[in-house]
PDB file of N, CA and C in Angstrom:
ATOM      1  N   MET A   1     -21.787  11.053  -4.606  1.00  0.00           N
ATOM      2  CA  MET A   1     -20.456  10.694  -5.024  1.00  0.00           C
ATOM      3  C   MET A   1     -19.460  11.068  -3.937  1.00  0.00           C
ATOM      4  N   LEU A   2     -18.536  10.180  -3.658  1.00  0.00           N
ATOM      5  CA  LEU A   2     -17.526  10.429  -2.640  1.00  0.00           C
ATOM      6  C   LEU A   2     -16.463  11.382  -3.166  1.00  0.00           C
ATOM      7  N   ARG A   3     -16.094  12.301  -2.342  1.00  0.00           N
ATOM      8  CA  ARG A   3     -15.041  13.233  -2.724  1.00  0.00           C
ATOM      9  C   ARG A   3     -13.704  12.707  -2.221  1.00  0.00           C
ATOM     10  N   PRO A   4     -12.608  13.066  -2.903  1.00  0.00           N
ATOM     11  CA  PRO A   4     -11.292  12.658  -2.405  1.00  0.00           C
ATOM     12  C   PRO A   4     -11.075  13.207  -1.009  1.00  0.00           C
ATOM     13  N   GLY A   5     -10.476  12.429  -0.189  1.00  0.00           N
ATOM     14  CA  GLY A   5     -10.184  12.850   1.173  1.00  0.00           C
ATOM     15  C   GLY A   5      -8.869  12.248   1.616  1.00  0.00           C
ATOM     16  N   PRO A   6      -8.416  12.599   2.799  1.00  0.00           N
ATOM     17  CA  PRO A   6      -7.106  12.134   3.249  1.00  0.00           C
ATOM     18  C   PRO A   6      -6.990  10.625   3.379  1.00  0.00           C
ATOM     19  N   LEU A   7      -8.099   9.926   3.655  1.00  0.00           N
ATOM     20  CA  LEU A   7      -7.988   8.469   3.779  1.00  0.00           C
ATOM     21  C   LEU A   7      -7.878   7.809   2.418  1.00  0.00           C
ATOM     22  N   ARG A   8      -8.574   8.344   1.431  1.00  0.00           N
ATOM     23  CA  ARG A   8      -8.556   7.733   0.110  1.00  0.00           C
ATOM     24  C   ARG A   8      -7.336   8.163  -0.681  1.00  0.00           C
ATOM     25  N   HIS A   9      -6.966   9.431  -0.574  1.00  0.00           N
ATOM     26  CA  HIS A   9      -5.845   9.961  -1.351  1.00  0.00           C
ATOM     27  C   HIS A   9      -4.974  10.848  -0.462  1.00  0.00           C
ATOM     28  N   PRO A  10      -4.174  10.267   0.406  1.00  0.00           N
ATOM     29  CA  PRO A  10      -3.319  11.099   1.262  1.00  0.00           C
ATOM     30  C   PRO A  10      -2.398  11.960   0.404  1.00  0.00           C
ATOM     31  N   ARG A  11      -2.370  13.242   0.719  1.00  0.00           N
ATOM     32  CA  ARG A  11      -1.571  14.177  -0.075  1.00  0.00           C
ATOM     33  C   ARG A  11      -0.219  14.482   0.547  1.00  0.00           C
ATOM     34  N   GLY A  12      -0.080  14.280   1.804  1.00  0.00           N
ATOM     35  CA  GLY A  12       1.187  14.615   2.434  1.00  0.00           C
ATOM     36  C   GLY A  12       1.090  14.519   3.940  1.00  0.00           C
ATOM     37  N   ARG A  13       2.149  14.948   4.591  1.00  0.00           N
ATOM     38  CA  ARG A  13       2.208  14.838   6.047  1.00  0.00           C
ATOM     39  C   ARG A  13       1.095  15.587   6.759  1.00  0.00           C
ATOM     40  N   ARG A  14       0.613  16.665   6.168  1.00  0.00           N
ATOM     41  CA  ARG A  14      -0.441  17.429   6.854  1.00  0.00           C
ATOM     42  C   ARG A  14      -1.711  16.604   7.031  1.00  0.00           C
ATOM     43  N   ASP A  15      -1.971  15.643   6.156  1.00  0.00           N
ATOM     44  CA  ASP A  15      -3.156  14.801   6.290  1.00  0.00           C
ATOM     45  C   ASP A  15      -3.087  13.913   7.522  1.00  0.00           C
ATOM     46  N   SER A  16      -1.917  13.548   7.947  1.00  0.00           N
ATOM     47  CA  SER A  16      -1.806  12.666   9.109  1.00  0.00           C
ATOM     48  C   SER A  16      -2.195  13.362  10.400  1.00  0.00           C
ATOM     49  N   HIS A  17      -2.295  14.666  10.377  1.00  0.00           N
ATOM     50  CA  HIS A  17      -2.671  15.403  11.581  1.00  0.00           C
ATOM     51  C   HIS A  17      -4.162  15.685  11.657  1.00  0.00           C
ATOM     52  N   CYS A  18      -4.901  15.348  10.604  1.00  0.00           N
ATOM     53  CA  CYS A  18      -6.314  15.713  10.577  1.00  0.00           C
ATOM     54  C   CYS A  18      -7.155  14.884  11.536  1.00  0.00           C
ATOM     55  N   LEU A  19      -6.742  13.692  11.898  1.00  0.00           N
ATOM     56  CA  LEU A  19      -7.573  12.853  12.758  1.00  0.00           C
ATOM     57  C   LEU A  19      -7.452  13.173  14.240  1.00  0.00           C
ATOM     58  N   PRO A  20      -6.249  13.290  14.788  1.00  0.00           N
ATOM     59  CA  PRO A  20      -6.196  13.510  16.231  1.00  0.00           C
ATOM     60  C   PRO A  20      -6.718  14.867  16.681  1.00  0.00           C
ATOM     61  N   ARG A  21      -6.693  15.891  15.839  1.00  0.00           N
ATOM     62  CA  ARG A  21      -7.069  17.234  16.271  1.00  0.00           C
ATOM     63  C   ARG A  21      -8.490  17.375  16.788  1.00  0.00           C
ATOM     64  N   PRO A  22      -9.498  16.801  16.108  1.00  0.00           N
ATOM     65  CA  PRO A  22     -10.845  17.014  16.630  1.00  0.00           C
ATOM     66  C   PRO A  22     -11.122  16.274  17.938  1.00  0.00           C
ATOM     67  N   LEU A  23     -10.285  15.349  18.304  1.00  0.00           N
ATOM     68  CA  LEU A  23     -10.494  14.564  19.508  1.00  0.00           C
ATOM     69  C   LEU A  23      -9.837  15.237  20.704  1.00  0.00           C
ATOM     70  N   PRO A  24     -10.352  14.973  21.886  1.00  0.00           N
ATOM     71  CA  PRO A  24      -9.660  15.459  23.081  1.00  0.00           C
ATOM     72  C   PRO A  24      -8.253  14.861  23.132  1.00  0.00           C
ATOM     73  N   PRO A  25      -7.375  15.412  23.957  1.00  0.00           N
ATOM     74  CA  PRO A  25      -6.019  14.854  24.019  1.00  0.00           C
ATOM     75  C   PRO A  25      -6.041  13.347  24.238  1.00  0.00           C
ATOM     76  N   PRO A  26      -5.303  12.576  23.398  1.00  0.00           N
ATOM     77  CA  PRO A  26      -5.361  11.116  23.453  1.00  0.00           C
ATOM     78  C   PRO A  26      -5.063  10.524  24.821  1.00  0.00           C
ATOM     79  N   ARG A  27      -4.217  11.135  25.588  1.00  0.00           N
ATOM     80  CA  ARG A  27      -3.889  10.570  26.897  1.00  0.00           C
ATOM     81  C   ARG A  27      -5.094  10.601  27.830  1.00  0.00           C
ATOM     82  N   ARG A  28      -6.034  11.493  27.571  1.00  0.00           N
ATOM     83  CA  ARG A  28      -7.272  11.511  28.362  1.00  0.00           C
ATOM     84  C   ARG A  28      -8.373  10.713  27.688  1.00  0.00           C
ATOM     85  N   TYR A  29      -8.369  10.667  26.363  1.00  0.00           N
ATOM     86  CA  TYR A  29      -9.475  10.085  25.608  1.00  0.00           C
ATOM     87  C   TYR A  29      -9.377   8.571  25.498  1.00  0.00           C
ATOM     88  N   LEU A  30      -8.229   8.039  25.094  1.00  0.00           N
ATOM     89  CA  LEU A  30      -8.109   6.600  24.900  1.00  0.00           C
ATOM     90  C   LEU A  30      -8.368   5.781  26.167  1.00  0.00           C
ATOM     91  N   PRO A  31      -7.911   6.190  27.327  1.00  0.00           N
ATOM     92  CA  PRO A  31      -8.170   5.373  28.516  1.00  0.00           C
ATOM     93  C   PRO A  31      -9.645   5.312  28.924  1.00  0.00           C
ATOM     94  N   ARG A  32     -10.498   6.155  28.374  1.00  0.00           N
ATOM     95  CA  ARG A  32     -11.906   6.168  28.762  1.00  0.00           C
ATOM     96  C   ARG A  32     -12.660   5.056  28.050  1.00  0.00           C
ATOM     97  N   ALA A  33     -12.998   4.034  28.779  1.00  0.00           N
ATOM     98  CA  ALA A  33     -13.710   2.881  28.214  1.00  0.00           C
ATOM     99  C   ALA A  33     -15.113   3.246  27.751  1.00  0.00           C
ATOM    100  N   ASP A  34     -15.674   4.335  28.271  1.00  0.00           N
ATOM    101  CA  ASP A  34     -17.028   4.727  27.869  1.00  0.00           C
ATOM    102  C   ASP A  34     -17.065   5.383  26.490  1.00  0.00           C
ATOM    103  N   LEU A  35     -15.919   5.697  25.928  1.00  0.00           N
ATOM    104  CA  LEU A  35     -15.862   6.313  24.602  1.00  0.00           C
ATOM    105  C   LEU A  35     -15.396   5.292  23.576  1.00  0.00           C
ATOM    106  N   ARG A  36     -16.091   4.194  23.491  1.00  0.00           N
ATOM    107  CA  ARG A  36     -15.638   3.106  22.635  1.00  0.00           C
ATOM    108  C   ARG A  36     -16.182   3.153  21.218  1.00  0.00           C
ATOM    109  N   TYR A  37     -17.097   4.036  20.922  1.00  0.00           N
ATOM    110  CA  TYR A  37     -17.775   4.019  19.644  1.00  0.00           C
ATOM    111  C   TYR A  37     -16.897   4.384  18.459  1.00  0.00           C
ATOM    112  N   ASP A  38     -15.848   5.163  18.634  1.00  0.00           N
ATOM    113  CA  ASP A  38     -15.051   5.559  17.477  1.00  0.00           C
ATOM    114  C   ASP A  38     -13.554   5.276  17.605  1.00  0.00           C
ATOM    115  N   GLN A  39     -13.149   4.668  18.682  1.00  0.00           N
ATOM    116  CA  GLN A  39     -11.731   4.388  18.876  1.00  0.00           C
ATOM    117  C   GLN A  39     -11.147   3.505  17.770  1.00  0.00           C
ATOM    118  N   PRO A  40     -11.763   2.367  17.437  1.00  0.00           N
ATOM    119  CA  PRO A  40     -11.181   1.509  16.406  1.00  0.00           C
ATOM    120  C   PRO A  40     -11.062   2.205  15.057  1.00  0.00           C
ATOM    121  N   ALA A  41     -12.084   2.944  14.659  1.00  0.00           N
ATOM    122  CA  ALA A  41     -12.040   3.634  13.362  1.00  0.00           C
ATOM    123  C   ALA A  41     -10.956   4.707  13.345  1.00  0.00           C
ATOM    124  N   ALA A  42     -10.817   5.432  14.434  1.00  0.00           N
ATOM    125  CA  ALA A  42      -9.790   6.470  14.483  1.00  0.00           C
ATOM    126  C   ALA A  42      -8.392   5.865  14.399  1.00  0.00           C
ATOM    127  N   LEU A  43      -8.165   4.774  15.107  1.00  0.00           N
ATOM    128  CA  LEU A  43      -6.847   4.143  15.051  1.00  0.00           C
ATOM    129  C   LEU A  43      -6.575   3.577  13.665  1.00  0.00           C
ATOM    130  N   GLY A  44      -7.550   2.887  13.079  1.00  0.00           N
ATOM    131  CA  GLY A  44      -7.370   2.341  11.740  1.00  0.00           C
ATOM    132  C   GLY A  44      -7.052   3.417  10.719  1.00  0.00           C
ATOM    133  N   ALA A  45      -7.740   4.543  10.813  1.00  0.00           N
ATOM    134  CA  ALA A  45      -7.494   5.645   9.881  1.00  0.00           C
ATOM    135  C   ALA A  45      -6.095   6.223  10.067  1.00  0.00           C
ATOM    136  N   LEU A  46      -5.680   6.393  11.301  1.00  0.00           N
ATOM    137  CA  LEU A  46      -4.347   6.930  11.553  1.00  0.00           C
ATOM    138  C   LEU A  46      -3.262   5.968  11.068  1.00  0.00           C
ATOM    139  N   LEU A  47      -3.464   4.682  11.283  1.00  0.00           N
ATOM    140  CA  LEU A  47      -2.509   3.684  10.787  1.00  0.00           C
ATOM    141  C   LEU A  47      -2.447   3.701   9.261  1.00  0.00           C
ATOM    142  N   ARG A  48      -3.588   3.858   8.605  1.00  0.00           N
ATOM    143  CA  ARG A  48      -3.612   3.924   7.138  1.00  0.00           C
ATOM    144  C   ARG A  48      -2.847   5.147   6.637  1.00  0.00           C
ATOM    145  N   LEU A  49      -3.113   6.275   7.250  1.00  0.00           N
ATOM    146  CA  LEU A  49      -2.396   7.484   6.841  1.00  0.00           C
ATOM    147  C   LEU A  49      -0.893   7.334   7.048  1.00  0.00           C
ATOM    148  N   ASP A  50      -0.499   6.811   8.189  1.00  0.00           N
ATOM    149  CA  ASP A  50       0.932   6.594   8.444  1.00  0.00           C
ATOM    150  C   ASP A  50       1.556   5.743   7.346  1.00  0.00           C
ATOM    151  N   ALA A  51       0.886   4.676   6.971  1.00  0.00           N
ATOM    152  CA  ALA A  51       1.432   3.771   5.952  1.00  0.00           C
ATOM    153  C   ALA A  51       1.538   4.452   4.588  1.00  0.00           C
ATOM    154  N   HIS A  52       0.568   5.275   4.263  1.00  0.00           N
ATOM    155  CA  HIS A  52       0.554   5.904   2.945  1.00  0.00           C
ATOM    156  C   HIS A  52       1.526   7.064   2.808  1.00  0.00           C
ATOM    157  N   ILE A  53       1.791   7.759   3.889  1.00  0.00           N
ATOM    158  CA  ILE A  53       2.657   8.937   3.761  1.00  0.00           C
ATOM    159  C   ILE A  53       3.968   8.811   4.537  1.00  0.00           C
ATOM    160  N   GLY A  54       4.206   7.641   5.093  1.00  0.00           N
ATOM    161  CA  GLY A  54       5.500   7.390   5.722  1.00  0.00           C
ATOM    162  C   GLY A  54       5.723   8.049   7.065  1.00  0.00           C
ATOM    163  N   THR A  55       4.654   8.260   7.817  1.00  0.00           N
ATOM    164  CA  THR A  55       4.805   8.827   9.160  1.00  0.00           C
ATOM    165  C   THR A  55       4.585   7.722  10.188  1.00  0.00           C
ATOM    166  N   HIS A  56       4.734   8.073  11.443  1.00  0.00           N
ATOM    167  CA  HIS A  56       4.590   7.090  12.524  1.00  0.00           C
ATOM    168  C   HIS A  56       3.784   7.673  13.685  1.00  0.00           C
ATOM    169  N   HIS A  57       2.749   8.427  13.370  1.00  0.00           N
ATOM    170  CA  HIS A  57       1.961   9.074  14.418  1.00  0.00           C
ATOM    171  C   HIS A  57       1.202   8.070  15.294  1.00  0.00           C
ATOM    172  N   ALA A  58       0.819   6.938  14.731  1.00  0.00           N
ATOM    173  CA  ALA A  58       0.073   5.945  15.512  1.00  0.00           C
ATOM    174  C   ALA A  58       0.954   5.187  16.497  1.00  0.00           C
ATOM    175  N   ASP A  59       2.255   5.244  16.301  1.00  0.00           N
ATOM    176  CA  ASP A  59       3.158   4.493  17.183  1.00  0.00           C
ATOM    177  C   ASP A  59       2.960   4.830  18.650  1.00  0.00           C
ATOM    178  N   ARG A  60       2.689   6.066  18.949  1.00  0.00           N
ATOM    179  CA  ARG A  60       2.543   6.461  20.361  1.00  0.00           C
ATOM    180  C   ARG A  60       1.307   5.828  20.999  1.00  0.00           C
ATOM    181  N   PHE A  61       0.343   5.409  20.177  1.00  0.00           N
ATOM    182  CA  PHE A  61      -0.856   4.759  20.705  1.00  0.00           C
ATOM    183  C   PHE A  61      -0.730   3.240  20.741  1.00  0.00           C
ATOM    184  N   THR A  62       0.093   2.678  19.853  1.00  0.00           N
ATOM    185  CA  THR A  62       0.122   1.224  19.686  1.00  0.00           C
ATOM    186  C   THR A  62       1.336   0.545  20.309  1.00  0.00           C
ATOM    187  N   GLU A  63       2.172   1.291  20.996  1.00  0.00           N
ATOM    188  CA  GLU A  63       3.316   0.654  21.648  1.00  0.00           C
ATOM    189  C   GLU A  63       2.808  -0.347  22.675  1.00  0.00           C
ATOM    190  N   PRO A  64       3.576  -1.407  22.962  1.00  0.00           N
ATOM    191  CA  PRO A  64       3.123  -2.423  23.934  1.00  0.00           C
ATOM    192  C   PRO A  64       2.750  -1.781  25.275  1.00  0.00           C
ATOM    193  N   ASP A  65       1.613  -2.172  25.787  1.00  0.00           N
ATOM    194  CA  ASP A  65       1.054  -1.619  27.022  1.00  0.00           C
ATOM    195  C   ASP A  65       0.780  -0.125  26.921  1.00  0.00           C
ATOM    196  N   GLY A  66       0.646   0.369  25.699  1.00  0.00           N
ATOM    197  CA  GLY A  66       0.356   1.781  25.462  1.00  0.00           C
ATOM    198  C   GLY A  66      -1.133   2.064  25.574  1.00  0.00           C
ATOM    199  N   LEU A  67      -1.532   3.221  25.062  1.00  0.00           N
ATOM    200  CA  LEU A  67      -2.914   3.654  25.214  1.00  0.00           C
ATOM    201  C   LEU A  67      -3.926   2.724  24.543  1.00  0.00           C
ATOM    202  N   TRP A  68      -3.572   2.181  23.361  1.00  0.00           N
ATOM    203  CA  TRP A  68      -4.514   1.258  22.713  1.00  0.00           C
ATOM    204  C   TRP A  68      -4.711   0.011  23.568  1.00  0.00           C
ATOM    205  N   ASP A  69      -3.627  -0.584  24.041  1.00  0.00           N
ATOM    206  CA  ASP A  69      -3.732  -1.776  24.890  1.00  0.00           C
ATOM    207  C   ASP A  69      -4.506  -1.476  26.163  1.00  0.00           C
ATOM    208  N   GLN A  70      -4.277  -0.323  26.746  1.00  0.00           N
ATOM    209  CA  GLN A  70      -5.001   0.040  27.969  1.00  0.00           C
ATOM    210  C   GLN A  70      -6.489   0.143  27.700  1.00  0.00           C
ATOM    211  N   TRP A  71      -6.837   0.744  26.563  1.00  0.00           N
ATOM    212  CA  TRP A  71      -8.249   0.903  26.225  1.00  0.00           C
ATOM    213  C   TRP A  71      -8.909  -0.456  25.987  1.00  0.00           C
ATOM    214  N   VAL A  72      -8.265  -1.312  25.188  1.00  0.00           N
ATOM    215  CA  VAL A  72      -8.822  -2.637  24.910  1.00  0.00           C
ATOM    216  C   VAL A  72      -8.933  -3.454  26.198  1.00  0.00           C
ATOM    217  N   ASN A  73      -7.932  -3.405  27.028  1.00  0.00           N
ATOM    218  CA  ASN A  73      -7.941  -4.197  28.266  1.00  0.00           C
ATOM    219  C   ASN A  73      -8.937  -3.683  29.298  1.00  0.00           C
ATOM    220  N   ALA A  74      -9.356  -2.436  29.167  1.00  0.00           N
ATOM    221  CA  ALA A  74     -10.347  -1.887  30.097  1.00  0.00           C
ATOM    222  C   ALA A  74     -11.745  -2.422  29.814  1.00  0.00           C
ATOM    223  N   LEU A  75     -11.927  -3.011  28.637  1.00  0.00           N
ATOM    224  CA  LEU A  75     -13.232  -3.552  28.252  1.00  0.00           C
ATOM    225  C   LEU A  75     -13.127  -5.071  28.185  1.00  0.00           C
ATOM    226  N   PRO A  76     -13.626  -5.777  29.185  1.00  0.00           N
ATOM    227  CA  PRO A  76     -13.441  -7.231  29.251  1.00  0.00           C
ATOM    228  C   PRO A  76     -13.865  -7.982  27.987  1.00  0.00           C
ATOM    229  N   HIS A  77     -14.903  -7.532  27.314  1.00  0.00           N
ATOM    230  CA  HIS A  77     -15.351  -8.246  26.114  1.00  0.00           C
ATOM    231  C   HIS A  77     -14.422  -8.027  24.912  1.00  0.00           C
ATOM    232  N   LEU A  78     -13.512  -7.062  24.993  1.00  0.00           N
ATOM    233  CA  LEU A  78     -12.549  -6.829  23.911  1.00  0.00           C
ATOM    234  C   LEU A  78     -11.183  -7.436  24.200  1.00  0.00           C
ATOM    235  N   ARG A  79     -10.891  -7.652  25.458  1.00  0.00           N
ATOM    236  CA  ARG A  79      -9.583  -8.174  25.852  1.00  0.00           C
ATOM    237  C   ARG A  79      -9.304  -9.483  25.121  1.00  0.00           C
ATOM    238  N   ASP A  80      -8.176  -9.556  24.468  1.00  0.00           N
ATOM    239  CA  ASP A  80      -7.734 -10.728  23.697  1.00  0.00           C
ATOM    240  C   ASP A  80      -8.630 -11.045  22.497  1.00  0.00           C
ATOM    241  N   HIS A  81      -9.485 -10.133  22.108  1.00  0.00           N
ATOM    242  CA  HIS A  81     -10.330 -10.345  20.931  1.00  0.00           C
ATOM    243  C   HIS A  81      -9.500 -10.046  19.679  1.00  0.00           C
ATOM    244  N   PRO A  82      -9.421 -10.990  18.742  1.00  0.00           N
ATOM    245  CA  PRO A  82      -8.546 -10.800  17.580  1.00  0.00           C
ATOM    246  C   PRO A  82      -8.941  -9.637  16.675  1.00  0.00           C
ATOM    247  N   ALA A  83     -10.158  -9.159  16.747  1.00  0.00           N
ATOM    248  CA  ALA A  83     -10.579  -8.046  15.895  1.00  0.00           C
ATOM    249  C   ALA A  83     -10.108  -6.696  16.415  1.00  0.00           C
ATOM    250  N   TYR A  84      -9.570  -6.652  17.625  1.00  0.00           N
ATOM    251  CA  TYR A  84      -9.190  -5.375  18.216  1.00  0.00           C
ATOM    252  C   TYR A  84      -7.683  -5.189  18.336  1.00  0.00           C
ATOM    253  N   THR A  85      -6.961  -5.728  17.387  1.00  0.00           N
ATOM    254  CA  THR A  85      -5.527  -5.458  17.307  1.00  0.00           C
ATOM    255  C   THR A  85      -5.327  -4.288  16.352  1.00  0.00           C
ATOM    256  N   PRO A  86      -4.248  -3.542  16.502  1.00  0.00           N
ATOM    257  CA  PRO A  86      -3.987  -2.459  15.549  1.00  0.00           C
ATOM    258  C   PRO A  86      -3.937  -2.955  14.102  1.00  0.00           C
ATOM    259  N   ALA A  87      -3.349  -4.103  13.876  1.00  0.00           N
ATOM    260  CA  ALA A  87      -3.260  -4.626  12.506  1.00  0.00           C
ATOM    261  C   ALA A  87      -4.644  -4.896  11.930  1.00  0.00           C
ATOM    262  N   GLU A  88      -5.553  -5.395  12.744  1.00  0.00           N
ATOM    263  CA  GLU A  88      -6.901  -5.678  12.266  1.00  0.00           C
ATOM    264  C   GLU A  88      -7.676  -4.382  12.009  1.00  0.00           C
ATOM    265  N   GLN A  89      -7.448  -3.386  12.844  1.00  0.00           N
ATOM    266  CA  GLN A  89      -8.100  -2.091  12.611  1.00  0.00           C
ATOM    267  C   GLN A  89      -7.620  -1.473  11.296  1.00  0.00           C
ATOM    268  N   ARG A  90      -6.331  -1.604  11.024  1.00  0.00           N
ATOM    269  CA  ARG A  90      -5.789  -1.100   9.752  1.00  0.00           C
ATOM    270  C   ARG A  90      -6.369  -1.889   8.582  1.00  0.00           C
ATOM    271  N   ARG A  91      -6.479  -3.200   8.722  1.00  0.00           N
ATOM    272  CA  ARG A  91      -7.011  -4.031   7.646  1.00  0.00           C
ATOM    273  C   ARG A  91      -8.446  -3.632   7.315  1.00  0.00           C
ATOM    274  N   TRP A  92      -9.288  -3.430   8.331  1.00  0.00           N
ATOM    275  CA  TRP A  92     -10.671  -3.044   8.094  1.00  0.00           C
ATOM    276  C   TRP A  92     -10.761  -1.664   7.451  1.00  0.00           C
ATOM    277  N   THR A  93      -9.925  -0.753   7.896  1.00  0.00           N
ATOM    278  CA  THR A  93      -9.923   0.582   7.294  1.00  0.00           C
ATOM    279  C   THR A  93      -9.532   0.495   5.829  1.00  0.00           C
ATOM    280  N   ASP A  94      -8.517  -0.309   5.525  1.00  0.00           N
ATOM    281  CA  ASP A  94      -8.119  -0.489   4.129  1.00  0.00           C
ATOM    282  C   ASP A  94      -9.262  -1.063   3.298  1.00  0.00           C
ATOM    283  N   LEU A  95      -9.952  -2.063   3.836  1.00  0.00           N
ATOM    284  CA  LEU A  95     -11.076  -2.653   3.107  1.00  0.00           C
ATOM    285  C   LEU A  95     -12.179  -1.625   2.839  1.00  0.00           C
ATOM    286  N   LEU A  96     -12.518  -0.849   3.845  1.00  0.00           N
ATOM    287  CA  LEU A  96     -13.560   0.162   3.678  1.00  0.00           C
ATOM    288  C   LEU A  96     -13.156   1.239   2.673  1.00  0.00           C
ATOM    289  N   CYS A  97     -11.923   1.671   2.747  1.00  0.00           N
ATOM    290  CA  CYS A  97     -11.456   2.702   1.812  1.00  0.00           C
ATOM    291  C   CYS A  97     -11.371   2.157   0.388  1.00  0.00           C
ATOM    292  N   ASP A  98     -10.924   0.928   0.243  1.00  0.00           N
ATOM    293  CA  ASP A  98     -10.863   0.309  -1.090  1.00  0.00           C
ATOM    294  C   ASP A  98     -12.274   0.149  -1.666  1.00  0.00           C
ATOM    295  N   PHE A  99     -13.220  -0.226  -0.823  1.00  0.00           N
ATOM    296  CA  PHE A  99     -14.608  -0.343  -1.270  1.00  0.00           C
ATOM    297  C   PHE A  99     -15.123   1.019  -1.728  1.00  0.00           C
ATOM    298  N   ALA A 100     -14.901   2.051  -0.902  1.00  0.00           N
ATOM    299  CA  ALA A 100     -15.350   3.394  -1.256  1.00  0.00           C
ATOM    300  C   ALA A 100     -14.692   3.881  -2.545  1.00  0.00           C
ATOM    301  N   GLU A 101     -13.444   3.567  -2.698  1.00  0.00           N
ATOM    302  CA  GLU A 101     -12.721   3.970  -3.909  1.00  0.00           C
ATOM    303  C   GLU A 101     -13.355   3.318  -5.140  1.00  0.00           C
ATOM    304  N   GLY A 102     -13.751   2.068  -5.030  1.00  0.00           N
ATOM    305  CA  GLY A 102     -14.388   1.372  -6.142  1.00  0.00           C
ATOM    306  C   GLY A 102     -15.727   1.974  -6.528  1.00  0.00           C
ATOM    307  N   TRP A 103     -16.470   2.465  -5.551  1.00  0.00           N
ATOM    308  CA  TRP A 103     -17.769   3.074  -5.831  1.00  0.00           C
ATOM    309  C   TRP A 103     -17.640   4.498  -6.319  1.00  0.00           C
ATOM    310  N   ALA A 104     -16.531   5.134  -6.028  1.00  0.00           N
ATOM    311  CA  ALA A 104     -16.355   6.546  -6.416  1.00  0.00           C
ATOM    312  C   ALA A 104     -15.884   6.709  -7.850  1.00  0.00           C
ATOM    313  N   ARG A 105     -15.435   5.647  -8.466  1.00  0.00           N
ATOM    314  CA  ARG A 105     -14.959   5.731  -9.852  1.00  0.00           C
ATOM    315  C   ARG A 105     -16.151   5.871 -10.786  1.00  0.00           C
ATOM    316  N   PRO A 106     -16.000   6.695 -11.845  1.00  0.00           N
ATOM    317  CA  PRO A 106     -17.106   6.855 -12.805  1.00  0.00           C
ATOM    318  C   PRO A 106     -17.361   5.594 -13.601  1.00  0.00           C
TER     319      PRO A 106
END
């Protein structure tokens, strides 16, 4: 059974800080094209938290020509790919969390 967590039930502003902390500093981490395995999920989760609790922590990553754009553009197969926009990452995170929420109900 899934337990409540910050993505499913954000409790407040402190939840928005739970994602960036375990990662190396974003200015060093996002530009590294070799660390592509969790970038989309981390951004989607941060965007979801921002939307639910009214913060704007993801803005520093998603500004035009910012760290997200630099990371996507560093990988030729992702450049201009419609699945790698911040909005699409948020949409997928919402779908996954909504699915998990449906399975967690008794």
